[in-house]
Amino acid sequence: MLKIRPLAEGDHAEWRRLWTLYLAFYETKLPEEIYATYWKRLLGDDPQDFHGLIAEQDGKPIGLTHYVFHRHGWKIENTCYLQDLYVDKSVRGAGAGRALIEAVYAAADAAGCPSVYWLTQDFNATARRLYDRIANKTPFIVYRR
């Protein structure tokens, strides 16, 4: 049985395991300070803080997502950025990714944010098949300093 729920203080070890796997997928390693700061922000109560959700299957954490609400210069209402989404590869394709995204959609709707967006790398073909079914691909190209 799949359950999506907010991150809680007791999730730290499993969150860290899943987020480390997510970062490894994108060939990224981050210093301990980033882990500690992000965890604090995920459990914080500042309106600028991130929110986190855990996907559990039969009580075992198998996925996560992080998202944040922020202002948008072209809109009155806030928008929602889904920053991280990861499902353990041993259970991919069973609906956890979709359920996590739909939970972010529901949180955005509840917060009065009609827009949710995210980025992925072009080589992430498995995830893109899901994204193409539940969202609209934009023509934007991302530049970074």
Foldseek 3Di string as FASTA:
>chain_A
DKDKDWDDPVCLVVVVVFVVVQCVVVPHDDDPVVSVVLVCLCPDDDLQGKTKMFMDDPRHTFWMWIKHWDCDPVDPGIAMETEDITGHPVPPPVCPRVVRVVVVCVVCVVRVHNHYDYDDDPVPVSVVVVCVVPHDDDPDDDDDD
